[in-house]
């Protein structure tokens, strides 16, 4: 019996160069509602969904009556960057190389369906993508493990037969909580030491470097 092996890819900051677009959009959305924070703090929270990010930045015990409006402002501000969205180095080639090695390729994203369409168009690798998650598939976003588990379900496999690839400590934490080995890339702005400290099995500069190192990575061959 053949075991299905899957590689689960975070999209924002991992495959597509959007991490700093999200940073600017969250910083400006918060400023519009008189919650001015340093942009560096906003960046450090990118990778969480809005449900986790606002609590992380503003405190869980606050009045959250404006959370929905702040999130809507972020979404509108972020959408202004959509025409400029670009894939990270050799991202599509990496997905195709994984598929050629008999990995099932799944996008593990908490983006809205509309946003995910934009990201997939920029990535231009639908021919090798087996499945994808979106915000509709989870109640709690990273660092909760729900998204990783939803991606495993879409892949039709278990955690022991999967590898997650992400760019933030929140990705690494979510993968670890779902008992999935995690490869990290630094393209989201987190340093290798931080990603390894969070539990990443290996760290690469970006998708291009991971592709070049594929034969020496966890993605060299699917687990048997």
N, C-alpha and C. Protein backbone atom coordinates (compact mmCIF):
# COMPACT_ATOMS: atom_id res chain seq x y z
N UNK A 1 0.84 -1.20 0.00
CA UNK A 1 0.00 0.00 0.00
C UNK A 1 0.88 1.26 0.00
N UNK A 2 0.63 2.16 -0.93
CA UNK A 2 1.41 3.39 -1.04
C UNK A 2 0.92 4.43 -0.05
N UNK A 3 1.85 5.02 0.69
CA UNK A 3 1.51 6.06 1.65
C UNK A 3 1.57 7.42 0.97
N UNK A 4 0.53 8.22 1.19
CA UNK A 4 0.52 9.58 0.64
C UNK A 4 1.44 10.47 1.46
N UNK A 5 2.39 11.09 0.82
CA UNK A 5 3.29 12.04 1.48
C UNK A 5 2.99 13.43 0.96
N UNK A 6 2.96 14.39 1.85
CA UNK A 6 2.57 15.75 1.46
C UNK A 6 3.53 16.79 2.00
N UNK A 7 3.77 17.81 1.20
CA UNK A 7 4.50 18.99 1.67
C UNK A 7 3.49 20.13 1.71
N UNK A 8 3.37 20.73 2.87
CA UNK A 8 2.39 21.77 3.14
C UNK A 8 3.11 23.12 3.14
N UNK A 9 2.75 23.98 2.22
CA UNK A 9 3.44 25.26 2.09
C UNK A 9 2.59 26.41 2.62
N UNK A 10 3.12 27.14 3.60
CA UNK A 10 2.61 28.47 3.87
C UNK A 10 2.81 29.29 2.60
N UNK A 11 1.99 30.32 2.40
CA UNK A 11 2.07 31.08 1.15
C UNK A 11 2.68 32.47 1.37
N UNK A 12 2.05 33.30 2.21
CA UNK A 12 2.55 34.66 2.45
C UNK A 12 3.91 34.63 3.11
N UNK A 13 4.91 35.23 2.45
CA UNK A 13 6.24 35.31 3.02
C UNK A 13 7.10 34.09 2.76
N UNK A 14 6.45 32.99 2.37
CA UNK A 14 7.18 31.75 2.09
C UNK A 14 7.32 31.54 0.59
N UNK A 15 6.19 31.56 -0.11
CA UNK A 15 6.20 31.39 -1.57
C UNK A 15 6.03 32.72 -2.31
N UNK A 16 5.36 33.66 -1.66
CA UNK A 16 5.04 34.94 -2.29
C UNK A 16 5.54 36.07 -1.37
N UNK A 17 6.12 37.11 -1.97
CA UNK A 17 6.83 38.14 -1.20
C UNK A 17 5.87 39.21 -0.68
N UNK A 18 5.13 38.86 0.36
CA UNK A 18 4.07 39.75 0.87
C UNK A 18 4.21 40.12 2.33
N UNK A 19 5.23 39.61 3.02
CA UNK A 19 5.31 39.81 4.47
C UNK A 19 5.32 41.29 4.85
N UNK A 20 6.06 42.10 4.10
CA UNK A 20 6.17 43.51 4.47
C UNK A 20 4.97 44.32 3.99
N UNK A 21 4.28 43.84 2.96
CA UNK A 21 3.01 44.46 2.59
C UNK A 21 2.02 44.31 3.74
N UNK A 22 1.97 43.11 4.34
CA UNK A 22 1.09 42.89 5.49
C UNK A 22 1.51 43.77 6.67
N UNK A 23 2.81 43.90 6.88
CA UNK A 23 3.30 44.74 7.98
C UNK A 23 2.79 46.17 7.83
N UNK A 24 2.96 46.75 6.65
CA UNK A 24 2.52 48.12 6.42
C UNK A 24 1.00 48.25 6.54
N UNK A 25 0.27 47.26 6.05
CA UNK A 25 -1.19 47.32 6.11
C UNK A 25 -1.69 47.25 7.55
N UNK A 26 -1.10 46.37 8.36
CA UNK A 26 -1.51 46.29 9.77
C UNK A 26 -1.12 47.57 10.52
N UNK A 27 0.08 48.08 10.27
CA UNK A 27 0.54 49.29 10.96
C UNK A 27 -0.40 50.45 10.66
N UNK A 28 -0.76 50.63 9.38
CA UNK A 28 -1.63 51.74 9.01
C UNK A 28 -3.06 51.52 9.51
N UNK A 29 -3.56 50.29 9.46
CA UNK A 29 -4.92 50.01 9.95
C UNK A 29 -5.02 50.32 11.44
N UNK A 30 -4.03 49.93 12.20
CA UNK A 30 -4.03 50.21 13.63
C UNK A 30 -3.94 51.71 13.88
N UNK A 31 -3.10 52.40 13.11
CA UNK A 31 -2.96 53.85 13.28
C UNK A 31 -4.27 54.57 12.99
N UNK A 32 -5.02 54.09 12.01
CA UNK A 32 -6.30 54.72 11.68
C UNK A 32 -7.29 54.64 12.84
N UNK A 33 -7.11 53.64 13.70
CA UNK A 33 -7.99 53.48 14.86
C UNK A 33 -7.27 53.83 16.17
N UNK A 34 -6.30 54.74 16.04
CA UNK A 34 -5.59 55.29 17.20
C UNK A 34 -4.87 54.23 18.03
N UNK A 35 -4.39 53.19 17.37
CA UNK A 35 -3.55 52.18 18.02
C UNK A 35 -2.18 52.20 17.35
N UNK A 36 -1.44 53.25 17.58
CA UNK A 36 -0.14 53.40 16.93
C UNK A 36 0.89 52.54 17.64
N UNK A 37 1.54 51.68 16.86
CA UNK A 37 2.61 50.82 17.40
C UNK A 37 3.81 50.92 16.46
N UNK A 38 5.01 50.59 16.93
CA UNK A 38 6.15 50.55 16.02
C UNK A 38 5.92 49.53 14.91
N UNK A 39 6.33 49.88 13.70
CA UNK A 39 6.15 48.96 12.57
C UNK A 39 6.86 47.64 12.82
N UNK A 40 7.97 47.68 13.54
CA UNK A 40 8.70 46.45 13.83
C UNK A 40 7.84 45.46 14.62
N UNK A 41 7.00 45.97 15.53
CA UNK A 41 6.12 45.09 16.30
C UNK A 41 5.07 44.48 15.40
N UNK A 42 4.56 45.26 14.48
CA UNK A 42 3.57 44.72 13.53
C UNK A 42 4.21 43.61 12.70
N UNK A 43 5.43 43.84 12.25
CA UNK A 43 6.12 42.82 11.46
C UNK A 43 6.27 41.52 12.23
N UNK A 44 6.62 41.63 13.51
CA UNK A 44 6.87 40.43 14.31
C UNK A 44 5.60 39.60 14.52
N UNK A 45 4.44 40.21 14.30
CA UNK A 45 3.18 39.48 14.46
C UNK A 45 2.65 38.92 13.16
N UNK A 46 3.19 39.36 12.03
CA UNK A 46 2.74 38.86 10.74
C UNK A 46 3.00 37.36 10.67
N UNK A 47 2.05 36.63 10.15
CA UNK A 47 2.09 35.17 10.18
C UNK A 47 0.96 34.63 11.03
N UNK A 48 0.50 35.44 11.98
CA UNK A 48 -0.72 35.12 12.71
C UNK A 48 -1.92 35.60 11.89
N UNK A 49 -3.07 34.97 12.10
CA UNK A 49 -4.29 35.52 11.55
C UNK A 49 -4.77 36.67 12.42
N UNK A 50 -5.76 37.41 11.91
CA UNK A 50 -6.25 38.58 12.64
C UNK A 50 -6.74 38.21 14.03
N UNK A 51 -7.34 37.02 14.18
CA UNK A 51 -7.88 36.61 15.48
C UNK A 51 -6.80 36.53 16.54
N UNK A 52 -5.59 36.16 16.15
CA UNK A 52 -4.47 36.04 17.09
C UNK A 52 -3.64 37.33 17.13
N UNK A 53 -3.47 37.95 15.97
CA UNK A 53 -2.56 39.09 15.85
C UNK A 53 -3.00 40.27 16.71
N UNK A 54 -4.26 40.61 16.69
CA UNK A 54 -4.71 41.79 17.43
C UNK A 54 -4.60 41.58 18.94
N UNK A 55 -4.91 40.37 19.40
CA UNK A 55 -4.70 40.08 20.82
C UNK A 55 -3.22 40.16 21.18
N UNK A 56 -2.37 39.67 20.29
CA UNK A 56 -0.94 39.66 20.54
C UNK A 56 -0.39 41.08 20.63
N UNK A 57 -0.86 41.96 19.75
CA UNK A 57 -0.34 43.34 19.71
C UNK A 57 -0.98 44.25 20.74
N UNK A 58 -2.28 44.05 20.99
CA UNK A 58 -3.03 45.02 21.79
C UNK A 58 -3.45 44.48 23.15
N UNK A 59 -3.29 43.18 23.37
CA UNK A 59 -3.68 42.59 24.65
C UNK A 59 -5.04 41.93 24.57
N UNK A 60 -5.13 40.74 25.13
CA UNK A 60 -6.38 39.97 25.04
C UNK A 60 -7.48 40.54 25.92
N UNK A 61 -7.13 41.32 26.94
CA UNK A 61 -8.14 41.81 27.86
C UNK A 61 -8.74 43.15 27.50
N UNK A 62 -8.46 43.65 26.32
CA UNK A 62 -8.90 44.99 25.92
C UNK A 62 -10.35 44.95 25.42
N UNK A 63 -10.91 46.13 25.17
CA UNK A 63 -12.18 46.24 24.46
C UNK A 63 -11.91 45.94 22.99
N UNK A 64 -12.49 44.87 22.48
CA UNK A 64 -12.21 44.48 21.10
C UNK A 64 -13.34 44.83 20.14
N UNK A 65 -14.10 45.83 20.50
CA UNK A 65 -15.25 46.21 19.68
C UNK A 65 -14.89 46.71 18.30
N UNK A 66 -13.63 47.18 18.14
CA UNK A 66 -13.23 47.70 16.82
C UNK A 66 -12.38 46.71 16.02
N UNK A 67 -12.23 45.50 16.53
CA UNK A 67 -11.37 44.52 15.86
C UNK A 67 -11.82 44.25 14.42
N UNK A 68 -13.12 44.11 14.23
CA UNK A 68 -13.63 43.81 12.90
C UNK A 68 -13.32 44.95 11.93
N UNK A 69 -13.46 46.19 12.41
CA UNK A 69 -13.18 47.35 11.57
C UNK A 69 -11.69 47.46 11.26
N UNK A 70 -10.85 47.19 12.26
CA UNK A 70 -9.40 47.23 12.03
C UNK A 70 -8.99 46.18 11.01
N UNK A 71 -9.55 45.00 11.15
CA UNK A 71 -9.24 43.92 10.20
C UNK A 71 -9.70 44.28 8.79
N UNK A 72 -10.87 44.87 8.68
CA UNK A 72 -11.36 45.30 7.36
C UNK A 72 -10.46 46.37 6.76
N UNK A 73 -9.96 47.28 7.61
CA UNK A 73 -9.04 48.31 7.13
C UNK A 73 -7.75 47.68 6.63
N UNK A 74 -7.22 46.71 7.41
CA UNK A 74 -6.03 45.99 6.93
C UNK A 74 -6.27 45.36 5.57
N UNK A 75 -7.41 44.68 5.42
CA UNK A 75 -7.68 43.97 4.17
C UNK A 75 -7.73 44.94 2.99
N UNK A 76 -8.36 46.11 3.20
CA UNK A 76 -8.45 47.10 2.13
C UNK A 76 -7.07 47.68 1.80
N UNK A 77 -6.29 47.97 2.84
CA UNK A 77 -4.95 48.52 2.62
C UNK A 77 -4.03 47.50 1.94
N UNK A 78 -4.13 46.26 2.37
CA UNK A 78 -3.30 45.22 1.79
C UNK A 78 -3.66 44.99 0.31
N UNK A 79 -4.93 45.09 -0.02
CA UNK A 79 -5.37 44.86 -1.40
C UNK A 79 -4.73 45.85 -2.37
N UNK A 80 -4.33 47.02 -1.88
CA UNK A 80 -3.67 48.00 -2.75
C UNK A 80 -2.35 47.48 -3.29
N UNK A 81 -1.74 46.52 -2.57
CA UNK A 81 -0.46 45.97 -3.00
C UNK A 81 -0.60 44.81 -3.98
N UNK A 82 -1.81 44.33 -4.18
CA UNK A 82 -1.97 43.13 -5.01
C UNK A 82 -1.32 43.22 -6.38
N UNK A 83 -1.40 44.37 -7.09
CA UNK A 83 -0.75 44.42 -8.40
C UNK A 83 0.77 44.23 -8.34
N UNK A 84 1.36 44.45 -7.17
CA UNK A 84 2.82 44.34 -7.04
C UNK A 84 3.28 42.99 -6.49
N UNK A 85 2.35 42.09 -6.17
CA UNK A 85 2.70 40.81 -5.56
C UNK A 85 3.53 39.97 -6.53
N UNK A 86 4.66 39.45 -6.01
CA UNK A 86 5.56 38.63 -6.82
C UNK A 86 5.92 37.36 -6.05
N UNK A 87 6.17 36.27 -6.78
CA UNK A 87 6.65 35.06 -6.09
C UNK A 87 8.08 35.27 -5.61
N UNK A 88 8.46 34.54 -4.59
CA UNK A 88 9.84 34.55 -4.12
C UNK A 88 10.71 33.69 -5.05
N UNK A 89 12.04 33.79 -4.95
CA UNK A 89 12.89 33.14 -5.95
C UNK A 89 12.61 31.66 -6.17
N UNK A 90 12.32 31.31 -7.41
CA UNK A 90 12.15 29.91 -7.84
C UNK A 90 11.05 29.17 -7.06
N UNK A 91 10.07 29.93 -6.56
CA UNK A 91 9.02 29.30 -5.75
C UNK A 91 8.24 28.26 -6.55
N UNK A 92 7.80 28.61 -7.75
CA UNK A 92 7.05 27.66 -8.57
C UNK A 92 7.91 26.46 -8.95
N UNK A 93 9.18 26.70 -9.22
CA UNK A 93 10.08 25.59 -9.55
C UNK A 93 10.22 24.64 -8.37
N UNK A 94 10.24 25.20 -7.15
CA UNK A 94 10.32 24.37 -5.95
C UNK A 94 9.09 23.46 -5.85
N UNK A 95 7.91 24.03 -6.07
CA UNK A 95 6.69 23.21 -6.00
C UNK A 95 6.73 22.10 -7.04
N UNK A 96 7.18 22.42 -8.22
CA UNK A 96 7.24 21.40 -9.28
C UNK A 96 8.28 20.33 -8.97
N UNK A 97 9.39 20.74 -8.38
CA UNK A 97 10.42 19.77 -8.00
C UNK A 97 9.90 18.82 -6.93
N UNK A 98 9.12 19.35 -5.99
CA UNK A 98 8.52 18.50 -4.96
C UNK A 98 7.52 17.51 -5.58
N UNK A 99 6.70 18.00 -6.48
CA UNK A 99 5.73 17.13 -7.15
C UNK A 99 6.44 16.04 -7.95
N UNK A 100 7.55 16.38 -8.59
CA UNK A 100 8.32 15.41 -9.36
C UNK A 100 8.89 14.31 -8.48
N UNK A 101 9.07 14.63 -7.19
CA UNK A 101 9.60 13.64 -6.24
C UNK A 101 8.47 12.91 -5.49
N UNK A 102 7.27 13.04 -6.01
CA UNK A 102 6.10 12.32 -5.49
C UNK A 102 5.57 12.87 -4.17
N UNK A 103 5.86 14.13 -3.90
CA UNK A 103 5.17 14.80 -2.80
C UNK A 103 3.84 15.35 -3.31
N UNK A 104 2.81 15.25 -2.51
CA UNK A 104 1.56 15.94 -2.79
C UNK A 104 1.71 17.37 -2.27
N UNK A 105 1.52 18.35 -3.13
CA UNK A 105 1.76 19.76 -2.79
C UNK A 105 0.45 20.41 -2.37
N UNK A 106 0.42 20.94 -1.15
CA UNK A 106 -0.77 21.58 -0.59
C UNK A 106 -0.41 22.97 -0.08
N UNK A 107 -1.20 23.96 -0.43
CA UNK A 107 -1.02 25.31 0.10
C UNK A 107 -1.78 25.42 1.42
N UNK A 108 -1.06 25.74 2.48
CA UNK A 108 -1.66 25.88 3.81
C UNK A 108 -1.76 27.37 4.13
N UNK A 109 -2.84 27.98 3.69
CA UNK A 109 -3.02 29.43 3.82
C UNK A 109 -4.28 29.74 4.62
N UNK A 110 -4.21 30.85 5.38
CA UNK A 110 -5.41 31.34 6.06
C UNK A 110 -5.92 32.61 5.40
N UNK A 111 -5.49 32.86 4.16
CA UNK A 111 -5.99 34.00 3.39
C UNK A 111 -7.44 33.76 2.99
N UNK A 112 -8.14 34.85 2.70
CA UNK A 112 -9.49 34.71 2.16
C UNK A 112 -9.42 34.07 0.79
N UNK A 113 -10.55 33.52 0.33
CA UNK A 113 -10.57 32.90 -1.00
C UNK A 113 -10.17 33.90 -2.08
N UNK A 114 -10.64 35.14 -1.95
CA UNK A 114 -10.31 36.17 -2.95
C UNK A 114 -8.82 36.47 -2.95
N UNK A 115 -8.25 36.63 -1.77
CA UNK A 115 -6.82 36.90 -1.67
C UNK A 115 -6.01 35.71 -2.16
N UNK A 116 -6.45 34.50 -1.82
CA UNK A 116 -5.74 33.31 -2.24
C UNK A 116 -5.70 33.19 -3.76
N UNK A 117 -6.76 33.62 -4.41
CA UNK A 117 -6.78 33.62 -5.87
C UNK A 117 -5.67 34.52 -6.43
N UNK A 118 -5.49 35.69 -5.81
CA UNK A 118 -4.43 36.62 -6.22
C UNK A 118 -3.06 35.99 -6.02
N UNK A 119 -2.86 35.35 -4.88
CA UNK A 119 -1.57 34.75 -4.57
C UNK A 119 -1.26 33.59 -5.51
N UNK A 120 -2.26 32.78 -5.79
CA UNK A 120 -2.05 31.64 -6.69
C UNK A 120 -1.76 32.11 -8.12
N UNK A 121 -2.41 33.19 -8.52
CA UNK A 121 -2.14 33.73 -9.85
C UNK A 121 -0.69 34.21 -9.95
N UNK A 122 -0.21 34.88 -8.90
CA UNK A 122 1.18 35.34 -8.89
C UNK A 122 2.15 34.17 -8.89
N UNK A 123 1.80 33.13 -8.17
CA UNK A 123 2.67 31.96 -8.05
C UNK A 123 2.74 31.17 -9.35
N UNK A 124 1.61 31.04 -10.02
CA UNK A 124 1.54 30.39 -11.33
C UNK A 124 2.07 28.95 -11.29
N UNK A 125 1.52 28.16 -10.38
CA UNK A 125 1.94 26.75 -10.28
C UNK A 125 0.75 25.84 -10.00
N UNK A 126 -0.44 26.23 -10.45
CA UNK A 126 -1.63 25.44 -10.16
C UNK A 126 -1.56 24.03 -10.73
N UNK A 127 -0.72 23.83 -11.73
CA UNK A 127 -0.62 22.51 -12.35
C UNK A 127 -0.08 21.45 -11.39
N UNK A 128 0.61 21.86 -10.32
CA UNK A 128 1.16 20.87 -9.38
C UNK A 128 0.59 21.01 -7.97
N UNK A 129 -0.35 21.92 -7.78
CA UNK A 129 -0.95 22.10 -6.46
C UNK A 129 -2.17 21.18 -6.33
N UNK A 130 -2.11 20.28 -5.37
CA UNK A 130 -3.18 19.30 -5.18
C UNK A 130 -4.39 19.91 -4.49
N UNK A 131 -4.14 20.76 -3.49
CA UNK A 131 -5.24 21.33 -2.69
C UNK A 131 -4.73 22.58 -1.98
N UNK A 132 -5.66 23.33 -1.41
CA UNK A 132 -5.30 24.54 -0.67
C UNK A 132 -6.34 24.78 0.41
N UNK A 133 -5.90 25.37 1.51
CA UNK A 133 -6.80 25.82 2.56
C UNK A 133 -6.97 27.33 2.46
N UNK A 134 -8.00 27.82 3.13
CA UNK A 134 -8.23 29.27 3.21
C UNK A 134 -8.77 29.59 4.59
N UNK A 135 -9.10 30.85 4.81
CA UNK A 135 -9.62 31.29 6.11
C UNK A 135 -10.90 30.57 6.48
N UNK A 136 -11.62 30.06 5.49
CA UNK A 136 -12.88 29.38 5.76
C UNK A 136 -12.68 28.02 6.42
N UNK A 137 -11.46 27.52 6.43
CA UNK A 137 -11.20 26.16 6.91
C UNK A 137 -10.80 26.08 8.37
N UNK A 138 -10.58 27.22 9.02
CA UNK A 138 -10.11 27.18 10.40
C UNK A 138 -10.84 28.20 11.27
N UNK A 139 -10.94 27.88 12.55
CA UNK A 139 -11.48 28.83 13.52
C UNK A 139 -10.36 29.60 14.20
N UNK A 140 -9.26 28.93 14.50
CA UNK A 140 -8.11 29.58 15.14
C UNK A 140 -6.91 29.49 14.21
N UNK A 141 -6.27 30.62 13.95
CA UNK A 141 -5.13 30.66 13.04
C UNK A 141 -3.82 30.43 13.80
N UNK A 142 -2.72 30.40 13.05
CA UNK A 142 -1.40 30.19 13.66
C UNK A 142 -1.12 31.26 14.73
N UNK A 143 -0.48 30.86 15.82
CA UNK A 143 0.26 29.63 16.06
C UNK A 143 -0.55 28.42 16.50
N UNK A 144 -1.88 28.49 16.53
CA UNK A 144 -2.70 27.30 16.76
C UNK A 144 -2.45 26.31 15.63
N UNK A 145 -2.59 25.01 15.87
CA UNK A 145 -2.27 24.01 14.85
C UNK A 145 -3.40 23.74 13.86
N UNK A 146 -4.53 24.43 14.00
CA UNK A 146 -5.71 24.11 13.20
C UNK A 146 -5.45 24.13 11.70
N UNK A 147 -4.72 25.14 11.22
CA UNK A 147 -4.47 25.28 9.79
C UNK A 147 -3.64 24.11 9.27
N UNK A 148 -2.62 23.72 10.01
CA UNK A 148 -1.77 22.60 9.60
C UNK A 148 -2.61 21.33 9.55
N UNK A 149 -3.47 21.12 10.53
CA UNK A 149 -4.32 19.93 10.54
C UNK A 149 -5.32 19.94 9.38
N UNK A 150 -5.84 21.13 9.06
CA UNK A 150 -6.75 21.24 7.92
C UNK A 150 -6.02 20.90 6.62
N UNK A 151 -4.76 21.35 6.50
CA UNK A 151 -3.97 21.04 5.32
C UNK A 151 -3.67 19.55 5.23
N UNK A 152 -3.40 18.92 6.36
CA UNK A 152 -3.19 17.47 6.38
C UNK A 152 -4.44 16.74 5.90
N UNK A 153 -5.59 17.21 6.34
CA UNK A 153 -6.85 16.59 5.92
C UNK A 153 -7.04 16.73 4.41
N UNK A 154 -6.73 17.92 3.88
CA UNK A 154 -6.84 18.13 2.43
C UNK A 154 -5.86 17.23 1.68
N UNK A 155 -4.70 17.01 2.28
CA UNK A 155 -3.68 16.17 1.64
C UNK A 155 -4.01 14.69 1.73
N UNK A 156 -4.86 14.33 2.69
CA UNK A 156 -5.21 12.93 2.89
C UNK A 156 -4.09 12.12 3.49
N UNK A 157 -3.38 12.73 4.43
CA UNK A 157 -2.26 12.03 5.06
C UNK A 157 -2.14 12.41 6.53
N UNK A 158 -1.23 11.74 7.24
CA UNK A 158 -1.00 12.03 8.64
C UNK A 158 0.26 12.82 8.86
N UNK A 159 0.46 13.34 10.07
CA UNK A 159 1.61 14.21 10.35
C UNK A 159 2.96 13.54 10.13
N UNK A 160 3.02 12.24 10.32
CA UNK A 160 4.30 11.54 10.15
C UNK A 160 4.71 11.42 8.68
N UNK A 161 3.78 11.72 7.78
CA UNK A 161 4.07 11.63 6.34
C UNK A 161 4.04 13.00 5.68
N UNK A 162 4.27 14.05 6.46
CA UNK A 162 4.17 15.41 5.93
C UNK A 162 5.33 16.26 6.43
N UNK A 163 5.60 17.31 5.66
CA UNK A 163 6.56 18.35 6.05
C UNK A 163 5.88 19.69 5.79
N UNK A 164 6.03 20.61 6.72
CA UNK A 164 5.48 21.96 6.57
C UNK A 164 6.62 22.91 6.25
N UNK A 165 6.37 23.85 5.34
CA UNK A 165 7.38 24.86 5.00
C UNK A 165 6.78 26.24 5.29
N UNK A 166 7.44 27.01 6.15
CA UNK A 166 6.93 28.32 6.53
C UNK A 166 8.05 29.32 6.78
N UNK A 167 7.66 30.56 7.09
CA UNK A 167 8.66 31.63 7.19
C UNK A 167 8.65 32.35 8.54
N UNK A 168 7.77 31.99 9.46
CA UNK A 168 7.71 32.70 10.74
C UNK A 168 7.78 31.72 11.90
N UNK A 169 8.08 32.26 13.08
CA UNK A 169 8.06 31.40 14.27
C UNK A 169 6.65 30.87 14.53
N UNK A 170 5.64 31.60 14.06
CA UNK A 170 4.26 31.15 14.24
C UNK A 170 3.98 29.92 13.38
N UNK A 171 4.55 29.89 12.18
CA UNK A 171 4.45 28.70 11.33
C UNK A 171 5.09 27.50 12.01
N UNK A 172 6.30 27.71 12.51
CA UNK A 172 7.04 26.62 13.14
C UNK A 172 6.28 26.08 14.35
N UNK A 173 5.76 26.99 15.17
CA UNK A 173 5.01 26.58 16.36
C UNK A 173 3.76 25.80 15.98
N UNK A 174 3.03 26.28 14.99
CA UNK A 174 1.82 25.60 14.55
C UNK A 174 2.14 24.20 14.03
N UNK A 175 3.20 24.07 13.23
CA UNK A 175 3.59 22.76 12.71
C UNK A 175 3.99 21.83 13.84
N UNK A 176 4.77 22.33 14.80
CA UNK A 176 5.18 21.50 15.93
C UNK A 176 3.98 21.01 16.73
N UNK A 177 3.01 21.89 16.94
CA UNK A 177 1.82 21.51 17.70
C UNK A 177 0.99 20.46 16.97
N UNK A 178 1.10 20.46 15.64
CA UNK A 178 0.40 19.44 14.84
C UNK A 178 1.28 18.22 14.60
N UNK A 179 2.48 18.21 15.20
CA UNK A 179 3.43 17.10 15.10
C UNK A 179 3.93 16.86 13.67
N UNK A 180 4.10 17.97 12.95
CA UNK A 180 4.61 17.93 11.59
C UNK A 180 5.99 18.58 11.56
N UNK A 181 6.96 17.91 10.96
CA UNK A 181 8.31 18.48 10.83
C UNK A 181 8.24 19.76 10.00
N UNK A 182 9.05 20.75 10.36
CA UNK A 182 8.96 22.05 9.71
C UNK A 182 10.30 22.50 9.15
N UNK A 183 10.28 22.88 7.88
CA UNK A 183 11.38 23.58 7.25
C UNK A 183 11.03 25.06 7.25
N UNK A 184 11.99 25.91 7.58
CA UNK A 184 11.73 27.35 7.61
C UNK A 184 12.60 28.07 6.59
N UNK A 185 12.07 29.18 6.09
CA UNK A 185 12.83 30.09 5.22
C UNK A 185 12.85 31.47 5.87
N UNK A 186 13.89 32.23 5.58
CA UNK A 186 14.07 33.53 6.22
C UNK A 186 13.42 34.68 5.45
N UNK A 187 12.68 34.38 4.40
CA UNK A 187 12.14 35.43 3.53
C UNK A 187 11.03 36.26 4.17
N UNK A 188 10.52 35.83 5.31
CA UNK A 188 9.52 36.62 6.02
C UNK A 188 10.14 37.61 7.00
N UNK A 189 11.47 37.54 7.19
CA UNK A 189 12.14 38.49 8.05
C UNK A 189 12.55 37.96 9.41
N UNK A 190 12.28 36.69 9.69
CA UNK A 190 12.75 36.08 10.93
C UNK A 190 14.11 35.44 10.68
N UNK A 191 15.00 35.58 11.65
CA UNK A 191 16.36 35.07 11.50
C UNK A 191 16.40 33.56 11.73
N UNK A 192 17.45 32.94 11.17
CA UNK A 192 17.60 31.49 11.29
C UNK A 192 17.63 31.04 12.75
N UNK A 193 18.32 31.80 13.60
CA UNK A 193 18.43 31.42 15.01
C UNK A 193 17.05 31.39 15.67
N UNK A 194 16.20 32.36 15.35
CA UNK A 194 14.85 32.38 15.91
C UNK A 194 14.03 31.20 15.43
N UNK A 195 14.13 30.90 14.15
CA UNK A 195 13.35 29.81 13.56
C UNK A 195 13.80 28.46 14.10
N UNK A 196 15.10 28.28 14.23
CA UNK A 196 15.61 27.05 14.82
C UNK A 196 15.22 26.95 16.28
N UNK A 197 15.26 28.09 16.99
CA UNK A 197 14.87 28.11 18.39
C UNK A 197 13.41 27.76 18.61
N UNK A 198 12.58 28.08 17.63
CA UNK A 198 11.15 27.75 17.71
C UNK A 198 10.89 26.29 17.39
N UNK A 199 11.89 25.60 16.80
CA UNK A 199 11.74 24.18 16.54
C UNK A 199 11.83 23.76 15.09
N UNK A 200 12.27 24.67 14.21
CA UNK A 200 12.43 24.29 12.80
C UNK A 200 13.53 23.23 12.67
N UNK A 201 13.31 22.25 11.80
CA UNK A 201 14.30 21.19 11.58
C UNK A 201 15.47 21.69 10.76
N UNK A 202 15.22 22.64 9.87
CA UNK A 202 16.27 23.24 9.04
C UNK A 202 15.79 24.59 8.56
N UNK A 203 16.73 25.46 8.20
CA UNK A 203 16.39 26.81 7.76
C UNK A 203 17.17 27.12 6.48
N UNK A 204 16.48 27.76 5.52
CA UNK A 204 17.10 28.18 4.27
C UNK A 204 16.80 29.66 4.07
N UNK A 205 17.61 30.33 3.28
CA UNK A 205 17.43 31.77 3.08
C UNK A 205 16.06 32.06 2.44
N UNK A 206 15.70 31.29 1.42
CA UNK A 206 14.44 31.49 0.72
C UNK A 206 14.14 30.24 -0.10
N UNK A 207 13.08 30.29 -0.90
CA UNK A 207 12.69 29.14 -1.70
C UNK A 207 13.77 28.77 -2.72
N UNK A 208 14.47 29.76 -3.23
CA UNK A 208 15.54 29.47 -4.18
C UNK A 208 16.64 28.64 -3.55
N UNK A 209 17.04 29.00 -2.33
CA UNK A 209 18.08 28.24 -1.65
C UNK A 209 17.58 26.85 -1.27
N UNK A 210 16.32 26.75 -0.85
CA UNK A 210 15.76 25.44 -0.53
C UNK A 210 15.76 24.54 -1.77
N UNK A 211 15.39 25.09 -2.92
CA UNK A 211 15.42 24.31 -4.16
C UNK A 211 16.84 23.82 -4.44
N UNK A 212 17.83 24.70 -4.30
CA UNK A 212 19.22 24.32 -4.55
C UNK A 212 19.70 23.25 -3.57
N UNK A 213 19.15 23.27 -2.35
CA UNK A 213 19.56 22.32 -1.31
C UNK A 213 18.62 21.13 -1.18
N UNK A 214 17.75 20.94 -2.15
CA UNK A 214 16.66 19.96 -2.00
C UNK A 214 17.17 18.56 -1.68
N UNK A 215 18.25 18.14 -2.31
CA UNK A 215 18.76 16.79 -2.08
C UNK A 215 19.33 16.59 -0.67
N UNK A 216 19.58 17.70 0.03
CA UNK A 216 20.10 17.62 1.40
C UNK A 216 19.07 18.04 2.44
N UNK A 217 17.82 18.17 2.00
CA UNK A 217 16.75 18.63 2.90
C UNK A 217 15.79 17.50 3.23
N UNK A 218 14.83 17.81 4.11
CA UNK A 218 13.78 16.85 4.43
C UNK A 218 12.92 16.51 3.22
N UNK A 219 12.99 17.36 2.18
CA UNK A 219 12.18 17.15 0.99
C UNK A 219 12.89 16.33 -0.07
N UNK A 220 14.07 15.80 0.25
CA UNK A 220 14.82 15.02 -0.74
C UNK A 220 13.99 13.85 -1.26
N UNK A 221 13.34 13.15 -0.35
CA UNK A 221 12.47 12.04 -0.72
C UNK A 221 11.33 11.94 0.29
N UNK A 222 10.12 11.62 -0.17
CA UNK A 222 9.01 11.43 0.78
C UNK A 222 9.32 10.27 1.73
N UNK A 223 8.85 10.38 2.98
CA UNK A 223 9.06 9.27 3.92
C UNK A 223 8.32 8.03 3.45
N UNK A 224 8.95 6.88 3.55
CA UNK A 224 8.34 5.64 3.09
C UNK A 224 7.44 5.01 4.12
